Every structure is written in C-alpha cells, then in structure tokens.
Amino acid sequence: MAKIEVFTKFFCPYCSRAKALLERKGVEYQEIDLTTDRAGFDAMVARAGGARTVPQIFIDGKHIGGSDDMAELDARGGLDPLLGLA
C-alpha cells in the first residue's frame, strides 16, 4: 500500500475534499495538521517546491499537488495506480 501524506490546516474545505476522496478510495493516509506548526509548514513548502497552500499531498514521497490536482489525476485514471489500487 502506498504511503500517503496530506498536509492540512483546520477548517480547510479543500483539505476536507482531498481527505474525502482518499476515504472513498478506502486508503489510509497520514494527516499532518499545520494549523499551529510553522516549522512543519516551512518543511512542507520546501518539499512542495514552494507551494504555500493546503492541502499538499504526497504519495510515496512524490508531490501530487493540492486537492484539485489530485481530483484531476483521479479523473484521468492516474490516481488508482499510485495508490496501489489498479
């Protein structure tokens, strides 16, 4: 099974949407809440190539992007193989 990391903040509708998609897929993920974690936020920005919005999603260390990026990847049929579901 793939290692999935989702960087979030409290009360973020895009974060909720991304997590809901992963839950519909039936996969486990690690949520990293950055609401009060400045060092964690800075680390996420560095890993995400400068992206400063949440969520930022990583699958097996590969940066997927945000909620819209993951939804588009799923619509193209590219998400399931990364999750190990194909």
PDB file of N, CA and C in Angstrom:
ATOM      1  N   MET A   1       0.838  -1.181   0.000  1.00  0.00           N
ATOM      2  CA  MET A   1       0.000   0.000   0.000  1.00  0.00           C
ATOM      3  C   MET A   1       0.883   1.244   0.000  1.00  0.00           C
ATOM      4  N   ALA A   2       0.442   2.254  -0.678  1.00  0.00           N
ATOM      5  CA  ALA A   2       1.202   3.489  -0.806  1.00  0.00           C
ATOM      6  C   ALA A   2       1.213   4.273   0.510  1.00  0.00           C
ATOM      7  N   LYS A   3       2.294   5.007   0.730  1.00  0.00           N
ATOM      8  CA  LYS A   3       2.370   5.923   1.869  1.00  0.00           C
ATOM      9  C   LYS A   3       1.833   7.272   1.396  1.00  0.00           C
ATOM     10  N   ILE A   4       0.762   7.722   2.022  1.00  0.00           N
ATOM     11  CA  ILE A   4       0.096   8.956   1.617  1.00  0.00           C
ATOM     12  C   ILE A   4       0.186   9.960   2.758  1.00  0.00           C
ATOM     13  N   GLU A   5       0.688  11.152   2.428  1.00  0.00           N
ATOM     14  CA  GLU A   5       0.778  12.241   3.397  1.00  0.00           C
ATOM     15  C   GLU A   5      -0.066  13.398   2.886  1.00  0.00           C
ATOM     16  N   VAL A   6      -0.915  13.928   3.778  1.00  0.00           N
ATOM     17  CA  VAL A   6      -1.773  15.050   3.432  1.00  0.00           C
ATOM     18  C   VAL A   6      -1.524  16.159   4.450  1.00  0.00           C
ATOM     19  N   PHE A   7      -0.943  17.251   3.999  1.00  0.00           N
ATOM     20  CA  PHE A   7      -0.685  18.404   4.856  1.00  0.00           C
ATOM     21  C   PHE A   7      -1.919  19.287   4.841  1.00  0.00           C
ATOM     22  N   THR A   8      -2.463  19.571   6.033  1.00  0.00           N
ATOM     23  CA  THR A   8      -3.731  20.277   6.150  1.00  0.00           C
ATOM     24  C   THR A   8      -3.647  21.420   7.156  1.00  0.00           C
ATOM     25  N   LYS A   9      -4.715  22.190   7.204  1.00  0.00           N
ATOM     26  CA  LYS A   9      -4.953  23.171   8.259  1.00  0.00           C
ATOM     27  C   LYS A   9      -6.412  23.047   8.683  1.00  0.00           C
ATOM     28  N   PHE A  10      -6.691  23.477   9.902  1.00  0.00           N
ATOM     29  CA  PHE A  10      -8.034  23.411  10.458  1.00  0.00           C
ATOM     30  C   PHE A  10      -9.008  24.231   9.612  1.00  0.00           C
ATOM     31  N   PHE A  11     -10.203  23.694   9.444  1.00  0.00           N
ATOM     32  CA  PHE A  11     -11.304  24.356   8.747  1.00  0.00           C
ATOM     33  C   PHE A  11     -10.949  24.734   7.305  1.00  0.00           C
ATOM     34  N   CYS A  12     -10.336  23.802   6.618  1.00  0.00           N
ATOM     35  CA  CYS A  12      -9.943  24.000   5.214  1.00  0.00           C
ATOM     36  C   CYS A  12     -10.844  23.113   4.349  1.00  0.00           C
ATOM     37  N   PRO A  13     -11.749  23.714   3.570  1.00  0.00           N
ATOM     38  CA  PRO A  13     -12.660  22.891   2.759  1.00  0.00           C
ATOM     39  C   PRO A  13     -11.945  22.071   1.691  1.00  0.00           C
ATOM     40  N   TYR A  14     -10.855  22.573   1.161  1.00  0.00           N
ATOM     41  CA  TYR A  14     -10.103  21.814   0.159  1.00  0.00           C
ATOM     42  C   TYR A  14      -9.433  20.594   0.797  1.00  0.00           C
ATOM     43  N   CYS A  15      -8.990  20.770   2.039  1.00  0.00           N
ATOM     44  CA  CYS A  15      -8.396  19.649   2.772  1.00  0.00           C
ATOM     45  C   CYS A  15      -9.452  18.574   3.005  1.00  0.00           C
ATOM     46  N   SER A  16     -10.639  18.999   3.397  1.00  0.00           N
ATOM     47  CA  SER A  16     -11.740  18.053   3.621  1.00  0.00           C
ATOM     48  C   SER A  16     -12.077  17.309   2.340  1.00  0.00           C
ATOM     49  N   ARG A  17     -12.082  18.008   1.227  1.00  0.00           N
ATOM     50  CA  ARG A  17     -12.389  17.378  -0.058  1.00  0.00           C
ATOM     51  C   ARG A  17     -11.338  16.341  -0.437  1.00  0.00           C
ATOM     52  N   ALA A  18     -10.073  16.675  -0.230  1.00  0.00           N
ATOM     53  CA  ALA A  18      -8.988  15.732  -0.548  1.00  0.00           C
ATOM     54  C   ALA A  18      -9.068  14.489   0.334  1.00  0.00           C
ATOM     55  N   LYS A  19      -9.303  14.692   1.628  1.00  0.00           N
ATOM     56  CA  LYS A  19      -9.399  13.553   2.544  1.00  0.00           C
ATOM     57  C   LYS A  19     -10.610  12.685   2.196  1.00  0.00           C
ATOM     58  N   ALA A  20     -11.713  13.311   1.813  1.00  0.00           N
ATOM     59  CA  ALA A  20     -12.916  12.553   1.455  1.00  0.00           C
ATOM     60  C   ALA A  20     -12.658  11.672   0.231  1.00  0.00           C
ATOM     61  N   LEU A  21     -11.923  12.178  -0.746  1.00  0.00           N
ATOM     62  CA  LEU A  21     -11.592  11.378  -1.928  1.00  0.00           C
ATOM     63  C   LEU A  21     -10.765  10.164  -1.529  1.00  0.00           C
ATOM     64  N   LEU A  22      -9.775  10.372  -0.688  1.00  0.00           N
ATOM     65  CA  LEU A  22      -8.941   9.253  -0.242  1.00  0.00           C
ATOM     66  C   LEU A  22      -9.757   8.250   0.573  1.00  0.00           C
ATOM     67  N   GLU A  23     -10.665   8.744   1.384  1.00  0.00           N
ATOM     68  CA  GLU A  23     -11.517   7.848   2.171  1.00  0.00           C
ATOM     69  C   GLU A  23     -12.453   7.041   1.270  1.00  0.00           C
ATOM     70  N   ARG A  24     -12.982   7.662   0.216  1.00  0.00           N
ATOM     71  CA  ARG A  24     -13.819   6.930  -0.745  1.00  0.00           C
ATOM     72  C   ARG A  24     -13.022   5.829  -1.436  1.00  0.00           C
ATOM     73  N   LYS A  25     -11.735   6.075  -1.624  1.00  0.00           N
ATOM     74  CA  LYS A  25     -10.862   5.077  -2.239  1.00  0.00           C
ATOM     75  C   LYS A  25     -10.518   3.959  -1.258  1.00  0.00           C
ATOM     76  N   GLY A  26     -10.784   4.189   0.025  1.00  0.00           N
ATOM     77  CA  GLY A  26     -10.526   3.170   1.036  1.00  0.00           C
ATOM     78  C   GLY A  26      -9.070   3.035   1.428  1.00  0.00           C
ATOM     79  N   VAL A  27      -8.305   4.100   1.258  1.00  0.00           N
ATOM     80  CA  VAL A  27      -6.885   4.042   1.589  1.00  0.00           C
ATOM     81  C   VAL A  27      -6.612   4.815   2.872  1.00  0.00           C
ATOM     82  N   GLU A  28      -5.590   4.378   3.582  1.00  0.00           N
ATOM     83  CA  GLU A  28      -5.162   5.073   4.788  1.00  0.00           C
ATOM     84  C   GLU A  28      -4.177   6.170   4.398  1.00  0.00           C
ATOM     85  N   TYR A  29      -4.216   7.247   5.154  1.00  0.00           N
ATOM     86  CA  TYR A  29      -3.291   8.354   4.898  1.00  0.00           C
ATOM     87  C   TYR A  29      -2.888   8.969   6.221  1.00  0.00           C
ATOM     88  N   GLN A  30      -1.760   9.647   6.183  1.00  0.00           N
ATOM     89  CA  GLN A  30      -1.275  10.377   7.354  1.00  0.00           C
ATOM     90  C   GLN A  30      -1.637  11.835   7.157  1.00  0.00           C
ATOM     91  N   GLU A  31      -2.387  12.383   8.093  1.00  0.00           N
ATOM     92  CA  GLU A  31      -2.725  13.805   8.046  1.00  0.00           C
ATOM     93  C   GLU A  31      -1.744  14.558   8.927  1.00  0.00           C
ATOM     94  N   ILE A  32      -1.112  15.581   8.364  1.00  0.00           N
ATOM     95  CA  ILE A  32      -0.184  16.422   9.113  1.00  0.00           C
ATOM     96  C   ILE A  32      -0.825  17.797   9.215  1.00  0.00           C
ATOM     97  N   ASP A  33      -1.317  18.125  10.400  1.00  0.00           N
ATOM     98  CA  ASP A  33      -2.027  19.380  10.636  1.00  0.00           C
ATOM     99  C   ASP A  33      -1.012  20.492  10.891  1.00  0.00           C
ATOM    100  N   LEU A  34      -1.031  21.487  10.025  1.00  0.00           N
ATOM    101  CA  LEU A  34      -0.073  22.588  10.111  1.00  0.00           C
ATOM    102  C   LEU A  34      -0.668  23.850  10.715  1.00  0.00           C
ATOM    103  N   THR A  35      -1.865  23.761  11.285  1.00  0.00           N
ATOM    104  CA  THR A  35      -2.571  24.940  11.779  1.00  0.00           C
ATOM    105  C   THR A  35      -1.691  25.800  12.680  1.00  0.00           C
ATOM    106  N   THR A  36      -0.965  25.185  13.588  1.00  0.00           N
ATOM    107  CA  THR A  36      -0.112  25.941  14.517  1.00  0.00           C
ATOM    108  C   THR A  36       1.346  25.507  14.439  1.00  0.00           C
ATOM    109  N   ASP A  37       1.733  24.908  13.342  1.00  0.00           N
ATOM    110  CA  ASP A  37       3.082  24.338  13.209  1.00  0.00           C
ATOM    111  C   ASP A  37       3.852  25.064  12.109  1.00  0.00           C
ATOM    112  N   ARG A  38       4.497  26.162  12.464  1.00  0.00           N
ATOM    113  CA  ARG A  38       5.224  26.967  11.474  1.00  0.00           C
ATOM    114  C   ARG A  38       6.406  26.201  10.876  1.00  0.00           C
ATOM    115  N   ALA A  39       7.132  25.464  11.693  1.00  0.00           N
ATOM    116  CA  ALA A  39       8.269  24.702  11.180  1.00  0.00           C
ATOM    117  C   ALA A  39       7.788  23.623  10.215  1.00  0.00           C
ATOM    118  N   GLY A  40       6.691  22.974  10.554  1.00  0.00           N
ATOM    119  CA  GLY A  40       6.118  21.974   9.657  1.00  0.00           C
ATOM    120  C   GLY A  40       5.656  22.587   8.355  1.00  0.00           C
ATOM    121  N   PHE A  41       5.066  23.789   8.438  1.00  0.00           N
ATOM    122  CA  PHE A  41       4.628  24.493   7.233  1.00  0.00           C
ATOM    123  C   PHE A  41       5.820  24.802   6.338  1.00  0.00           C
ATOM    124  N   ASP A  42       6.886  25.307   6.929  1.00  0.00           N
ATOM    125  CA  ASP A  42       8.088  25.622   6.153  1.00  0.00           C
ATOM    126  C   ASP A  42       8.665  24.365   5.493  1.00  0.00           C
ATOM    127  N   ALA A  43       8.639  23.251   6.213  1.00  0.00           N
ATOM    128  CA  ALA A  43       9.127  21.986   5.651  1.00  0.00           C
ATOM    129  C   ALA A  43       8.240  21.536   4.494  1.00  0.00           C
ATOM    130  N   MET A  44       6.922  21.705   4.630  1.00  0.00           N
ATOM    131  CA  MET A  44       6.007  21.346   3.545  1.00  0.00           C
ATOM    132  C   MET A  44       6.284  22.195   2.302  1.00  0.00           C
ATOM    133  N   VAL A  45       6.466  23.494   2.497  1.00  0.00           N
ATOM    134  CA  VAL A  45       6.735  24.396   1.370  1.00  0.00           C
ATOM    135  C   VAL A  45       7.995  23.958   0.638  1.00  0.00           C
ATOM    136  N   ALA A  46       9.026  23.586   1.388  1.00  0.00           N
ATOM    137  CA  ALA A  46      10.276  23.133   0.771  1.00  0.00           C
ATOM    138  C   ALA A  46      10.050  21.848  -0.029  1.00  0.00           C
ATOM    139  N   ARG A  47       9.313  20.901   0.531  1.00  0.00           N
ATOM    140  CA  ARG A  47       9.052  19.630  -0.169  1.00  0.00           C
ATOM    141  C   ARG A  47       8.150  19.828  -1.379  1.00  0.00           C
ATOM    142  N   ALA A  48       7.251  20.811  -1.293  1.00  0.00           N
ATOM    143  CA  ALA A  48       6.256  21.020  -2.349  1.00  0.00           C
ATOM    144  C   ALA A  48       6.723  22.015  -3.405  1.00  0.00           C
ATOM    145  N   GLY A  49       7.997  22.265  -3.460  1.00  0.00           N
ATOM    146  CA  GLY A  49       8.527  23.141  -4.498  1.00  0.00           C
ATOM    147  C   GLY A  49       8.048  24.577  -4.403  1.00  0.00           C
ATOM    148  N   GLY A  50       7.777  25.038  -3.177  1.00  0.00           N
ATOM    149  CA  GLY A  50       7.369  26.425  -2.967  1.00  0.00           C
ATOM    150  C   GLY A  50       5.869  26.622  -2.821  1.00  0.00           C
ATOM    151  N   ALA A  51       5.075  25.586  -3.016  1.00  0.00           N
ATOM    152  CA  ALA A  51       3.626  25.710  -2.857  1.00  0.00           C
ATOM    153  C   ALA A  51       3.309  26.027  -1.403  1.00  0.00           C
ATOM    154  N   ARG A  52       2.470  27.042  -1.185  1.00  0.00           N
ATOM    155  CA  ARG A  52       2.184  27.518   0.165  1.00  0.00           C
ATOM    156  C   ARG A  52       0.741  27.281   0.587  1.00  0.00           C
ATOM    157  N   THR A  53      -0.047  26.653  -0.254  1.00  0.00           N
ATOM    158  CA  THR A  53      -1.444  26.404   0.077  1.00  0.00           C
ATOM    159  C   THR A  53      -1.618  24.979   0.592  1.00  0.00           C
ATOM    160  N   VAL A  54      -2.702  24.752   1.302  1.00  0.00           N
ATOM    161  CA  VAL A  54      -3.041  23.405   1.736  1.00  0.00           C
ATOM    162  C   VAL A  54      -4.366  23.010   1.104  1.00  0.00           C
ATOM    163  N   PRO A  55      -4.547  21.742   0.882  1.00  0.00           N
ATOM    164  CA  PRO A  55      -3.643  20.662   1.230  1.00  0.00           C
ATOM    165  C   PRO A  55      -2.506  20.535   0.221  1.00  0.00           C
ATOM    166  N   GLN A  56      -1.444  19.924   0.653  1.00  0.00           N
ATOM    167  CA  GLN A  56      -0.399  19.443  -0.239  1.00  0.00           C
ATOM    168  C   GLN A  56      -0.319  17.946   0.010  1.00  0.00           C
ATOM    169  N   ILE A  57      -0.337  17.184  -1.076  1.00  0.00           N
ATOM    170  CA  ILE A  57      -0.457  15.736  -0.989  1.00  0.00           C
ATOM    171  C   ILE A  57       0.774  15.085  -1.599  1.00  0.00           C
ATOM    172  N   PHE A  58       1.294  14.083  -0.880  1.00  0.00           N
ATOM    173  CA  PHE A  58       2.438  13.307  -1.331  1.00  0.00           C
ATOM    174  C   PHE A  58       2.066  11.837  -1.292  1.00  0.00           C
ATOM    175  N   ILE A  59       2.373  11.118  -2.355  1.00  0.00           N
ATOM    176  CA  ILE A  59       2.148   9.671  -2.406  1.00  0.00           C
ATOM    177  C   ILE A  59       3.502   9.019  -2.658  1.00  0.00           C
ATOM    178  N   ASP A  60       3.920   8.195  -1.715  1.00  0.00           N
ATOM    179  CA  ASP A  60       5.242   7.555  -1.756  1.00  0.00           C
ATOM    180  C   ASP A  60       6.345   8.582  -2.018  1.00  0.00           C
ATOM    181  N   GLY A  61       6.220   9.731  -1.356  1.00  0.00           N
ATOM    182  CA  GLY A  61       7.222  10.774  -1.454  1.00  0.00           C
ATOM    183  C   GLY A  61       7.097  11.672  -2.674  1.00  0.00           C
ATOM    184  N   LYS A  62       6.234  11.306  -3.624  1.00  0.00           N
ATOM    185  CA  LYS A  62       6.046  12.107  -4.836  1.00  0.00           C
ATOM    186  C   LYS A  62       4.995  13.180  -4.583  1.00  0.00           C
ATOM    187  N   HIS A  63       5.327  14.419  -4.923  1.00  0.00           N
ATOM    188  CA  HIS A  63       4.401  15.529  -4.731  1.00  0.00           C
ATOM    189  C   HIS A  63       3.287  15.457  -5.781  1.00  0.00           C
ATOM    190  N   ILE A  64       2.057  15.330  -5.319  1.00  0.00           N
ATOM    191  CA  ILE A  64       0.893  15.268  -6.202  1.00  0.00           C
ATOM    192  C   ILE A  64       0.327  16.651  -6.438  1.00  0.00           C
ATOM    193  N   GLY A  65       0.402  17.514  -5.429  1.00  0.00           N
ATOM    194  CA  GLY A  65      -0.160  18.856  -5.505  1.00  0.00           C
ATOM    195  C   GLY A  65      -1.279  18.995  -4.496  1.00  0.00           C
ATOM    196  N   GLY A  66      -2.271  19.811  -4.858  1.00  0.00           N
ATOM    197  CA  GLY A  66      -3.381  20.075  -3.963  1.00  0.00           C
ATOM    198  C   GLY A  66      -4.594  19.222  -4.279  1.00  0.00           C
ATOM    199  N   SER A  67      -5.707  19.615  -3.702  1.00  0.00           N
ATOM    200  CA  SER A  67      -6.955  18.873  -3.855  1.00  0.00           C
ATOM    201  C   SER A  67      -7.398  18.805  -5.314  1.00  0.00           C
ATOM    202  N   ASP A  68      -7.376  19.942  -6.005  1.00  0.00           N
ATOM    203  CA  ASP A  68      -7.775  19.959  -7.417  1.00  0.00           C
ATOM    204  C   ASP A  68      -6.850  19.095  -8.265  1.00  0.00           C
ATOM    205  N   ASP A  69      -5.561  19.144  -7.972  1.00  0.00           N
ATOM    206  CA  ASP A  69      -4.592  18.332  -8.719  1.00  0.00           C
ATOM    207  C   ASP A  69      -4.874  16.846  -8.538  1.00  0.00           C
ATOM    208  N   MET A  70      -5.169  16.451  -7.308  1.00  0.00           N
ATOM    209  CA  MET A  70      -5.453  15.035  -7.058  1.00  0.00           C
ATOM    210  C   MET A  70      -6.765  14.620  -7.726  1.00  0.00           C
ATOM    211  N   ALA A  71      -7.780  15.486  -7.699  1.00  0.00           N
ATOM    212  CA  ALA A  71      -9.057  15.178  -8.344  1.00  0.00           C
ATOM    213  C   ALA A  71      -8.880  15.033  -9.860  1.00  0.00           C
ATOM    214  N   GLU A  72      -8.068  15.895 -10.456  1.00  0.00           N
ATOM    215  CA  GLU A  72      -7.802  15.803 -11.895  1.00  0.00           C
ATOM    216  C   GLU A  72      -7.043  14.521 -12.222  1.00  0.00           C
ATOM    217  N   LEU A  73      -6.081  14.177 -11.392  1.00  0.00           N
ATOM    218  CA  LEU A  73      -5.333  12.938 -11.571  1.00  0.00           C
ATOM    219  C   LEU A  73      -6.278  11.741 -11.508  1.00  0.00           C
ATOM    220  N   ASP A  74      -7.215  11.775 -10.583  1.00  0.00           N
ATOM    221  CA  ASP A  74      -8.194  10.699 -10.459  1.00  0.00           C
ATOM    222  C   ASP A  74      -9.087  10.642 -11.692  1.00  0.00           C
ATOM    223  N   ALA A  75      -9.536  11.778 -12.184  1.00  0.00           N
ATOM    224  CA  ALA A  75     -10.408  11.832 -13.361  1.00  0.00           C
ATOM    225  C   ALA A  75      -9.713  11.264 -14.601  1.00  0.00           C
ATOM    226  N   ARG A  76      -8.393  11.422 -14.665  1.00  0.00           N
ATOM    227  CA  ARG A  76      -7.615  10.890 -15.805  1.00  0.00           C
ATOM    228  C   ARG A  76      -7.239   9.417 -15.608  1.00  0.00           C
ATOM    229  N   GLY A  77      -7.604   8.855 -14.449  1.00  0.00           N
ATOM    230  CA  GLY A  77      -7.288   7.464 -14.178  1.00  0.00           C
ATOM    231  C   GLY A  77      -5.890   7.228 -13.648  1.00  0.00           C
ATOM    232  N   GLY A  78      -5.215   8.291 -13.244  1.00  0.00           N
ATOM    233  CA  GLY A  78      -3.845   8.159 -12.782  1.00  0.00           C
ATOM    234  C   GLY A  78      -3.664   7.990 -11.283  1.00  0.00           C
ATOM    235  N   LEU A  79      -4.732   8.207 -10.509  1.00  0.00           N
ATOM    236  CA  LEU A  79      -4.590   8.136  -9.060  1.00  0.00           C
ATOM    237  C   LEU A  79      -4.562   6.710  -8.543  1.00  0.00           C
ATOM    238  N   ASP A  80      -5.454   5.865  -9.024  1.00  0.00           N
ATOM    239  CA  ASP A  80      -5.531   4.485  -8.529  1.00  0.00           C
ATOM    240  C   ASP A  80      -4.205   3.734  -8.651  1.00  0.00           C
ATOM    241  N   PRO A  81      -3.489   3.839  -9.777  1.00  0.00           N
ATOM    242  CA  PRO A  81      -2.197   3.145  -9.848  1.00  0.00           C
ATOM    243  C   PRO A  81      -1.204   3.638  -8.781  1.00  0.00           C
ATOM    244  N   LEU A  82      -1.208   4.935  -8.496  1.00  0.00           N
ATOM    245  CA  LEU A  82      -0.302   5.461  -7.474  1.00  0.00           C
ATOM    246  C   LEU A  82      -0.672   4.957  -6.083  1.00  0.00           C
ATOM    247  N   LEU A  83      -1.969   4.737  -5.881  1.00  0.00           N
ATOM    248  CA  LEU A  83      -2.448   4.253  -4.588  1.00  0.00           C
ATOM    249  C   LEU A  83      -2.321   2.759  -4.430  1.00  0.00           C
ATOM    250  N   GLY A  84      -1.948   2.087  -5.524  1.00  0.00           N
ATOM    251  CA  GLY A  84      -1.849   0.635  -5.492  1.00  0.00           C
ATOM    252  C   GLY A  84      -3.193  -0.064  -5.644  1.00  0.00           C
ATOM    253  N   LEU A  85      -4.146   0.631  -6.243  1.00  0.00           N
ATOM    254  CA  LEU A  85      -5.497   0.094  -6.401  1.00  0.00           C
ATOM    255  C   LEU A  85      -5.772  -0.449  -7.805  1.00  0.00           C
ATOM    256  N   ALA A  86      -4.864  -0.207  -8.727  1.00  0.00           N
ATOM    257  CA  ALA A  86      -5.119  -0.612 -10.111  1.00  0.00           C
ATOM    258  C   ALA A  86      -4.580  -2.005 -10.390  1.00  0.00           C
TER     259      ALA A  86
END
